Protein backbone atom coordinates (compact mmCIF):
# COMPACT_ATOMS: atom_id res chain seq x y z
CA UNK A 1 236.54 134.17 230.35
CA UNK A 2 233.86 135.97 228.43
CA UNK A 3 230.41 134.53 227.80
CA UNK A 4 229.65 132.82 224.53
CA UNK A 5 226.10 134.05 224.36
CA UNK A 6 223.68 135.51 226.84
CA UNK A 7 221.04 133.24 228.29
CA UNK A 8 218.44 135.71 227.01
CA UNK A 9 219.22 134.59 223.46
CA UNK A 10 216.84 131.81 222.48
CA UNK A 11 218.30 128.95 220.49
CA UNK A 12 216.42 126.42 218.44
CA UNK A 13 216.86 122.87 219.69
CA UNK A 14 218.80 122.02 216.51
CA UNK A 15 221.04 124.82 215.31
CA UNK A 16 222.01 125.04 211.64
CA UNK A 17 225.60 124.16 210.83
CA UNK A 18 226.60 127.69 209.88
CA UNK A 19 225.52 128.90 213.35
CA UNK A 20 227.26 126.21 215.41
CA UNK A 21 229.92 127.36 217.88
CA UNK A 22 232.96 125.59 219.23
CA UNK A 23 233.34 125.62 222.96
CA UNK A 24 236.31 127.99 223.35
CA UNK A 25 237.55 126.73 226.71
CA UNK A 26 238.88 123.29 225.80
CA UNK A 27 242.47 124.27 226.59
CA UNK A 28 241.32 125.51 229.99
CA UNK A 29 239.50 122.22 230.65
CA UNK A 30 242.80 120.44 230.04
CA UNK A 31 244.82 122.82 232.20
CA UNK A 32 246.90 121.54 235.07
CA UNK A 33 245.80 124.57 237.09
CA UNK A 34 242.77 123.71 239.22
CA UNK A 35 241.39 127.27 239.26
CA UNK A 36 241.52 127.43 235.48
CA UNK A 37 239.76 124.07 235.17
CA UNK A 38 237.13 125.12 237.72
CA UNK A 39 236.42 128.30 235.73
CA UNK A 40 236.14 126.31 232.48
CA UNK A 41 233.69 123.90 234.13
CA UNK A 42 231.61 126.89 235.24
CA UNK A 43 231.45 127.95 231.58
CA UNK A 44 230.46 124.41 230.63
CA UNK A 45 227.65 124.52 233.18
CA UNK A 46 226.56 127.95 231.91
CA UNK A 47 226.75 127.05 228.21
CA UNK A 48 226.26 123.29 227.79
CA UNK A 49 224.59 123.82 224.41
CA UNK A 50 228.02 124.72 222.96
CA UNK A 51 229.78 121.68 224.43
CA UNK A 52 230.55 118.96 221.90
CA UNK A 53 230.53 115.32 222.98
CA UNK A 54 234.31 115.52 223.50
CA UNK A 55 233.93 118.59 225.73
CA UNK A 56 231.19 116.83 227.70
CA UNK A 57 233.56 113.89 228.11
CA UNK A 58 236.17 116.26 229.54
CA UNK A 59 233.46 117.46 231.93
CA UNK A 60 232.78 113.85 232.96
CA UNK A 61 236.47 113.33 233.63
CA UNK A 62 236.62 116.52 235.69
CA UNK A 63 233.65 115.51 237.84
CA UNK A 64 235.03 111.99 238.29
CA UNK A 65 238.31 113.45 239.54
CA UNK A 66 236.37 115.69 241.91
CA UNK A 67 234.51 112.66 243.29
CA UNK A 68 231.12 113.77 241.92
CA UNK A 69 230.29 110.42 240.35
CA UNK A 70 226.65 111.24 239.59
CA UNK A 71 227.52 114.35 237.61
CA UNK A 72 230.37 112.44 235.93
CA UNK A 73 227.97 109.67 234.91
CA UNK A 74 225.47 112.14 233.47
CA UNK A 75 228.15 113.93 231.43
CA UNK A 76 229.60 110.63 230.25
CA UNK A 77 226.23 109.41 229.01
CA UNK A 78 225.15 112.68 227.36
CA UNK A 79 228.54 112.75 225.66
CA UNK A 80 227.94 109.27 224.25
CA UNK A 81 224.33 110.04 223.32
CA UNK A 82 225.31 113.18 221.43
CA UNK A 83 228.18 111.41 219.68
CA UNK A 84 225.78 108.70 218.56
CA UNK A 85 223.39 111.31 217.18
CA UNK A 86 226.26 113.14 215.47
CA UNK A 87 227.10 109.97 213.58
CA UNK A 88 223.53 109.94 212.25
CA UNK A 89 223.19 113.59 211.26
CA UNK A 90 226.71 113.93 209.90
CA UNK A 91 227.41 110.58 208.23
CA UNK A 92 230.71 109.72 206.61
CA UNK A 93 230.13 109.26 202.90
CA UNK A 94 232.70 107.58 200.67
CA UNK A 95 233.75 108.72 197.19
CA UNK A 96 230.92 106.83 195.51
CA UNK A 97 228.31 108.58 197.66
CA UNK A 98 227.58 105.62 199.92
CA UNK A 99 227.48 105.97 203.68
CA UNK A 100 230.55 104.38 205.20
CA UNK A 101 230.45 102.17 208.25
CA UNK A 102 230.10 103.97 211.56
CA UNK A 103 233.56 102.76 212.60
CA UNK A 104 235.13 105.40 210.35
CA UNK A 105 233.26 108.33 211.87
CA UNK A 106 235.42 110.85 213.79
CA UNK A 107 232.87 110.86 216.64
CA UNK A 108 234.07 107.33 217.42
CA UNK A 109 237.04 108.95 219.16
CA UNK A 110 234.63 110.09 221.88
CA UNK A 111 233.57 106.50 222.50
CA UNK A 112 237.18 105.31 222.55
CA UNK A 113 238.22 107.96 225.07
CA UNK A 114 235.07 107.48 227.13
CA UNK A 115 236.24 103.96 228.00
CA UNK A 116 238.97 105.49 230.15
CA UNK A 117 236.57 107.83 231.95
CA UNK A 118 233.87 105.18 232.31
CA UNK A 119 236.22 102.92 234.27
CA UNK A 120 236.03 105.42 237.11
CA UNK A 121 232.23 105.68 237.26
CA UNK A 122 230.31 102.99 235.38
CA UNK A 123 230.60 100.35 238.09
CA UNK A 124 229.38 102.81 240.69
CA UNK A 125 226.54 104.03 238.48
CA UNK A 126 225.12 100.59 237.69
CA UNK A 127 225.76 99.01 241.10
CA UNK A 128 222.41 100.35 242.29
CA UNK A 129 219.45 99.91 239.94
CA UNK A 130 217.47 102.91 241.21
CA UNK A 131 220.56 105.12 240.97
CA UNK A 132 221.28 103.94 237.42
CA UNK A 133 217.69 104.57 236.34
CA UNK A 134 217.71 108.02 237.97
CA UNK A 135 220.90 108.89 236.10
CA UNK A 136 219.28 107.80 232.82
CA UNK A 137 216.24 109.91 233.67
CA UNK A 138 218.52 112.91 234.31
CA UNK A 139 220.33 112.26 231.02
CA UNK A 140 217.03 112.37 229.14
CA UNK A 141 216.01 115.60 230.89
CA UNK A 142 219.40 117.21 230.25
CA UNK A 143 219.28 116.27 226.58
CA UNK A 144 215.69 117.45 226.19
CA UNK A 145 216.42 120.93 227.57
CA UNK A 146 219.87 121.47 226.02
CA UNK A 147 220.13 122.73 222.45
CA UNK A 148 222.45 121.16 219.91
CA UNK A 149 224.43 124.32 219.15
CA UNK A 150 227.98 122.95 219.32
CA UNK A 151 230.50 122.52 216.56
CA UNK A 152 232.37 119.25 217.12
CA UNK A 153 236.12 119.21 217.58
CA UNK A 154 236.54 117.52 214.18
CA UNK A 155 235.72 118.54 210.62
CA UNK A 156 232.13 117.71 209.82
CA UNK A 157 231.59 114.90 207.36
CA UNK A 158 228.62 115.21 205.01
CA UNK A 159 225.34 116.36 206.50
CA UNK A 160 221.80 115.12 206.41
CA UNK A 161 219.09 117.75 205.99
CA UNK A 162 218.29 119.56 209.24
CA UNK A 163 214.65 118.67 208.65
CA UNK A 164 215.55 115.02 209.34
CA UNK A 165 217.41 115.72 212.57
CA UNK A 166 214.38 115.49 214.85
CA UNK A 167 213.59 111.96 213.66
CA UNK A 168 217.25 110.94 213.66
CA UNK A 169 217.64 112.30 217.19
CA UNK A 170 214.55 110.50 218.45
CA UNK A 171 215.78 107.21 216.98
CA UNK A 172 219.35 107.67 218.28
CA UNK A 173 218.12 108.71 221.72
CA UNK A 174 215.66 105.82 221.98
CA UNK A 175 218.27 103.32 220.84
CA UNK A 176 220.86 104.69 223.27
CA UNK A 177 218.54 104.80 226.29
CA UNK A 178 217.04 101.40 225.49
CA UNK A 179 220.55 99.91 225.36
CA UNK A 180 221.40 101.43 228.73
CA UNK A 181 218.17 100.10 230.26
CA UNK A 182 218.92 96.67 228.80
CA UNK A 183 222.34 96.68 230.46
CA UNK A 184 220.84 97.73 233.80
CA UNK A 185 218.18 95.02 233.49
CA UNK A 186 220.81 92.37 232.80
CA UNK A 187 222.74 93.43 235.88
CA UNK A 188 219.60 93.78 238.04
CA UNK A 189 217.00 91.28 236.72
């Protein structure tokens, strides 16, 4: 395993498409060898800015299997948050130039697969209101400090201008967090 980039290199919060990097250790995250998976998770921890929502979902699955439900919940939620933002900044546009419905976006695969991982941790995460709110707080902090420097595992659909990404991210993040808080409030009135 060699590093992707040194920590001394400063990244902008939103990295232009031509500078995005794929996380090169996906195969290792899927390995049946525990040592190989452990090493890939170390790289994920060292370089989360290069982890696409799908890679973060693999991290959530890893932590769930290891019994670290809090870390699994954080990775699950940041995976979903980033996938939601990706659908905004890279919309699917049909032949006539109109944005297609979100259901056709390739990032939807992350949400579909996250249902399997979430079965292992969602009940635990929301069973305690203070724990659920702390996890959401940690998700917001993680997202705030982690650059968007990853290239997703799928071909990028059309792109919005990078100048709009800050506003799109704020809206997607607010919508996502608000929805999570609403769910917690329904469970714990």
